[in-house]
Amino acid sequence: RSALDERLMAAQSRAETVEILQRNRVDPRKLTSVLGTLGRARKMRVCAWVYEWAGEKKLLNIIHYNRYIDLLGKSKMIEQALEVFSDMRKNKDVKPDTITYSALISAC
């Protein structure tokens, strides 16, 4: 794990999470890794804060949506996975793909 991952896993609030993300200039490439690491560590609250921040910053792409939906499904957070899918469908720059639907089906 990177130092960034370790700091994020220790974050206790959304504000602290956002500060860490901004201080480390998290870009879409780093975001993919961060979501994966947090999800595997079952740090879903921090993962949600990262997802929200990334959405506000317009950093989310199909890979991020798919990864987050998959992580939510594996954590048995099906309603949240469906909410993220709904958010994805509202984003005119991103279209669900076979990976999206596979993650949703696996979640159920």
Protein backbone atom coordinates (compact mmCIF):
# COMPACT_ATOMS: atom_id res chain seq x y z
CA ARG A 1 0.00 0.00 0.00
CA SER A 2 1.10 3.51 -0.70
CA ALA A 3 1.44 6.26 1.88
CA LEU A 4 -1.63 7.87 0.31
CA ASP A 5 -3.64 4.68 0.79
CA GLU A 6 -2.53 4.42 4.42
CA ARG A 7 -3.50 8.03 5.16
CA LEU A 8 -6.90 7.56 3.54
CA MET A 9 -7.58 4.35 5.43
CA ALA A 10 -6.95 6.22 8.67
CA ALA A 11 -9.23 9.14 7.73
CA GLN A 12 -11.96 9.81 10.26
CA SER A 13 -14.08 12.34 8.38
CA ARG A 14 -15.06 13.44 4.91
CA ALA A 15 -13.20 16.72 5.43
CA GLU A 16 -10.02 14.88 6.35
CA THR A 17 -10.45 12.60 3.33
CA VAL A 18 -10.90 15.55 0.98
CA GLU A 19 -7.85 17.28 2.41
CA ILE A 20 -5.74 14.16 1.81
CA LEU A 21 -7.05 13.78 -1.74
CA GLN A 22 -6.38 17.42 -2.59
CA ARG A 23 -2.96 17.52 -0.93
CA ASN A 24 -1.94 14.46 -2.94
CA ARG A 25 -3.43 15.79 -6.18
CA VAL A 26 -5.37 12.64 -6.83
CA ASP A 27 -6.07 12.30 -10.54
CA PRO A 28 -8.25 9.73 -12.35
CA ARG A 29 -5.40 7.19 -12.51
CA LYS A 30 -4.68 7.43 -8.78
CA LEU A 31 -8.39 7.40 -8.07
CA THR A 32 -8.75 3.93 -9.59
CA SER A 33 -6.06 2.57 -7.30
CA VAL A 34 -7.41 4.37 -4.23
CA LEU A 35 -10.94 3.03 -4.70
CA GLY A 36 -9.62 -0.50 -5.15
CA THR A 37 -7.39 -0.39 -2.10
CA LEU A 38 -10.06 1.11 0.14
CA GLY A 39 -12.65 -1.36 -1.09
CA ARG A 40 -10.43 -4.39 -0.54
CA ALA A 41 -9.75 -3.11 2.98
CA ARG A 42 -13.54 -2.76 3.48
CA LYS A 43 -13.20 0.95 4.22
CA MET A 44 -16.51 1.64 2.52
CA ARG A 45 -17.28 4.87 4.35
CA VAL A 46 -13.99 6.38 3.22
CA CYS A 47 -14.59 4.90 -0.23
CA ALA A 48 -17.92 6.74 -0.32
CA TRP A 49 -16.24 10.01 0.63
CA VAL A 50 -13.68 9.52 -2.14
CA TYR A 51 -16.43 8.72 -4.65
CA GLU A 52 -18.42 11.82 -3.64
CA TRP A 53 -15.36 14.05 -3.91
CA ALA A 54 -14.41 12.60 -7.29
CA GLY A 55 -17.94 13.21 -8.55
CA GLU A 56 -17.82 16.82 -7.40
CA LYS A 57 -14.47 17.25 -9.18
CA LYS A 58 -15.78 15.58 -12.37
CA LEU A 59 -13.07 12.91 -12.19
CA LEU A 60 -15.30 9.85 -12.50
CA ASN A 61 -15.10 7.69 -15.59
CA ILE A 62 -16.53 4.27 -16.45
CA ILE A 63 -13.69 2.49 -14.67
CA HIS A 64 -14.38 4.32 -11.40
CA TYR A 65 -18.12 3.74 -11.55
CA ASN A 66 -17.63 0.06 -12.35
CA ARG A 67 -15.06 -0.43 -9.62
CA TYR A 68 -17.21 1.29 -7.01
CA ILE A 69 -20.35 -0.62 -8.02
CA ASP A 70 -18.38 -3.87 -7.82
CA LEU A 71 -16.97 -3.00 -4.38
CA LEU A 72 -20.40 -2.07 -3.07
CA GLY A 73 -21.82 -5.32 -4.38
CA LYS A 74 -19.07 -7.36 -2.76
CA SER A 75 -19.81 -5.55 0.49
CA LYS A 76 -23.50 -6.47 0.17
CA MET A 77 -24.42 -2.80 -0.18
CA ILE A 78 -26.83 -3.43 -3.03
CA GLU A 79 -28.99 -0.33 -2.60
CA GLN A 80 -25.91 1.87 -2.70
CA ALA A 81 -24.66 0.05 -5.80
CA LEU A 82 -27.97 0.78 -7.49
CA GLU A 83 -27.72 4.44 -6.45
CA VAL A 84 -24.26 4.67 -8.01
CA PHE A 85 -25.64 3.04 -11.16
CA SER A 86 -28.38 5.68 -11.19
CA ASP A 87 -25.75 8.42 -10.81
CA MET A 88 -23.81 6.86 -13.66
CA ARG A 89 -26.83 6.96 -15.94
CA LYS A 90 -27.26 10.68 -15.18
CA ASN A 91 -23.68 11.37 -16.29
CA LYS A 92 -23.92 12.14 -20.00
CA ASP A 93 -20.22 11.37 -20.49
CA VAL A 94 -20.43 7.79 -19.18
CA LYS A 95 -22.47 4.88 -20.45
CA PRO A 96 -22.93 1.58 -18.59
CA ASP A 97 -21.16 -1.34 -20.24
CA THR A 98 -21.04 -5.11 -19.83
CA ILE A 99 -18.75 -4.76 -16.81
CA THR A 100 -21.30 -2.46 -15.16
CA TYR A 101 -24.14 -4.91 -15.68
CA SER A 102 -21.99 -7.84 -14.59
CA ALA A 103 -21.12 -6.06 -11.34
CA LEU A 104 -24.78 -5.29 -10.70
CA ILE A 105 -25.87 -8.86 -11.38
CA SER A 106 -23.11 -10.21 -9.14
CA ALA A 107 -24.23 -7.85 -6.38
CA CYS A 108 -27.65 -9.45 -6.34
